[in-house]
Amino acid sequence: MFEAIALMCTAIDGDTLACGSERIRLQAIDAPEKPGTCRRGRTCVPGDYHASKAALARLIAGKRVVIARNGTAAWGRTQANAYVDGRNLACRMIAGGWAVYQPRYDRGGIVRKECGL
């Protein structure tokens, strides 16, 4: 795992943050895609893209997000666990029904352990 830093971030969608110029992909979750963007041959998470993005935006609004980087995800995004007020954002998104747990992307089982899955 890389160092943890605290940043002000914005929600790009329900599983991705923009922290300055860096894109952070939340580890081990998948959220609904923007309408019309689910690529052919891919199974996309069902649900409301706008509600998922809004939920993540509410969770980080006005807060410093602690980013614990642990690699690189698709499209050059940083793969990381992200925390607000000491709570893993992936856990909060799963608990709220705004994202689903994807165990194959859970490096070291961190999300499973922290979320009690």
Protein backbone atom coordinates (compact mmCIF):
# COMPACT_ATOMS: atom_id res chain seq x y z
CA MET A 1 0.00 0.00 0.00
CA PHE A 2 1.18 3.51 -0.75
CA GLU A 3 1.08 6.48 1.60
CA ALA A 4 -2.23 7.93 2.71
CA ILE A 5 -2.93 11.58 2.01
CA ALA A 6 -5.94 13.80 2.73
CA LEU A 7 -7.41 15.72 -0.18
CA MET A 8 -10.51 17.63 -1.17
CA CYS A 9 -12.25 15.62 -3.89
CA THR A 10 -15.36 15.58 -6.07
CA ALA A 11 -17.45 12.64 -7.27
CA ILE A 12 -17.06 11.71 -10.95
CA ASP A 13 -19.56 8.87 -10.59
CA GLY A 14 -20.50 6.38 -7.87
CA ASP A 15 -17.10 4.69 -7.72
CA THR A 16 -14.62 7.33 -8.92
CA LEU A 17 -13.32 10.53 -7.34
CA ALA A 18 -11.41 13.46 -8.79
CA CYS A 19 -8.81 14.70 -6.33
CA GLY A 20 -7.05 17.54 -8.08
CA SER A 21 -5.88 16.16 -11.42
CA GLU A 22 -5.85 12.57 -10.14
CA ARG A 23 -8.71 10.13 -10.74
CA ILE A 24 -9.25 7.72 -7.84
CA ARG A 25 -11.12 4.43 -8.46
CA LEU A 26 -12.58 3.14 -5.20
CA GLN A 27 -11.31 -0.37 -4.57
CA ALA A 28 -13.60 -3.40 -4.89
CA ILE A 29 -16.87 -1.69 -5.78
CA ASP A 30 -18.79 -1.08 -8.96
CA ALA A 31 -21.53 1.52 -9.28
CA PRO A 32 -24.15 2.05 -12.01
CA GLU A 33 -22.77 3.48 -15.25
CA LYS A 34 -23.89 6.69 -16.91
CA PRO A 35 -26.89 5.90 -19.15
CA GLY A 36 -25.80 4.68 -22.57
CA THR A 37 -22.18 4.00 -21.60
CA CYS A 38 -22.23 0.31 -20.69
CA ARG A 39 -19.95 -1.28 -23.28
CA ARG A 40 -21.20 -4.18 -25.38
CA GLY A 41 -20.39 -7.53 -23.82
CA ARG A 42 -20.01 -6.10 -20.32
CA THR A 43 -22.43 -6.73 -17.48
CA CYS A 44 -23.01 -3.39 -15.81
CA VAL A 45 -24.35 -2.86 -12.31
CA PRO A 46 -28.07 -2.04 -12.36
CA GLY A 47 -29.32 1.05 -10.62
CA ASP A 48 -29.54 4.80 -10.83
CA TYR A 49 -26.27 6.39 -11.97
CA HIS A 50 -27.36 9.86 -10.83
CA ALA A 51 -28.41 8.66 -7.35
CA SER A 52 -25.14 6.76 -6.91
CA LYS A 53 -23.02 9.75 -7.94
CA ALA A 54 -25.08 12.07 -5.71
CA ALA A 55 -24.64 9.70 -2.75
CA LEU A 56 -20.86 9.69 -3.11
CA ALA A 57 -20.88 13.48 -3.52
CA ARG A 58 -22.86 13.84 -0.26
CA LEU A 59 -20.46 11.55 1.61
CA ILE A 60 -17.45 13.69 0.67
CA ALA A 61 -19.05 17.17 0.62
CA GLY A 62 -16.81 19.63 2.44
CA LYS A 63 -14.67 16.82 3.87
CA ARG A 64 -11.07 15.83 3.46
CA VAL A 65 -10.81 12.41 1.88
CA VAL A 66 -7.96 10.21 3.06
CA ILE A 67 -6.63 8.27 0.08
CA ALA A 68 -4.67 5.05 0.62
CA ARG A 69 -3.33 4.23 -2.84
CA ASN A 70 -2.67 0.61 -3.76
CA GLY A 71 -2.08 0.50 -7.49
CA THR A 72 -3.42 1.51 -10.86
CA ALA A 73 -6.84 0.62 -12.26
CA ALA A 74 -8.14 0.74 -15.83
CA TRP A 75 -7.62 3.92 -17.86
CA GLY A 76 -4.74 5.04 -15.66
CA ARG A 77 -6.86 5.76 -12.62
CA THR A 78 -5.36 5.28 -9.18
CA GLN A 79 -6.84 2.29 -7.33
CA ALA A 80 -7.34 3.16 -3.67
CA ASN A 81 -9.27 2.84 -0.48
CA ALA A 82 -10.74 6.19 0.47
CA TYR A 83 -11.91 7.28 3.90
CA VAL A 84 -13.98 10.12 5.33
CA ASP A 85 -14.19 10.49 9.10
CA GLY A 86 -12.33 7.18 9.40
CA ARG A 87 -14.93 5.21 7.42
CA ASN A 88 -14.22 3.45 4.14
CA LEU A 89 -16.26 5.08 1.36
CA ALA A 90 -16.66 1.74 -0.44
CA CYS A 91 -18.38 0.33 2.67
CA ARG A 92 -20.72 3.29 2.84
CA MET A 93 -21.61 3.02 -0.84
CA ILE A 94 -22.29 -0.73 -0.51
CA ALA A 95 -24.34 -0.26 2.68
CA GLY A 96 -26.44 2.45 1.02
CA GLY A 97 -27.18 0.24 -1.99
CA TRP A 98 -25.42 2.67 -4.36
CA ALA A 99 -22.65 0.24 -5.36
CA VAL A 100 -21.93 -3.48 -5.27
CA TYR A 101 -18.95 -5.33 -3.86
CA GLN A 102 -16.61 -6.86 -6.46
CA PRO A 103 -14.38 -9.35 -4.60
CA ARG A 104 -12.10 -9.95 -7.59
CA TYR A 105 -10.88 -6.33 -7.26
CA ASP A 106 -10.42 -6.43 -3.48
CA ARG A 107 -6.63 -6.43 -3.13
CA GLY A 108 -5.74 -7.99 0.19
CA GLY A 109 -9.41 -8.35 1.17
CA ILE A 110 -9.35 -4.89 2.74
CA VAL A 111 -12.87 -3.90 1.72
CA ARG A 112 -14.31 -7.27 2.76
CA LYS A 113 -12.69 -6.94 6.19
CA GLU A 114 -13.53 -3.28 6.75
CA CYS A 115 -17.13 -3.67 5.55
CA GLY A 116 -17.75 -6.94 7.38
CA LEU A 117 -18.66 -8.77 4.16
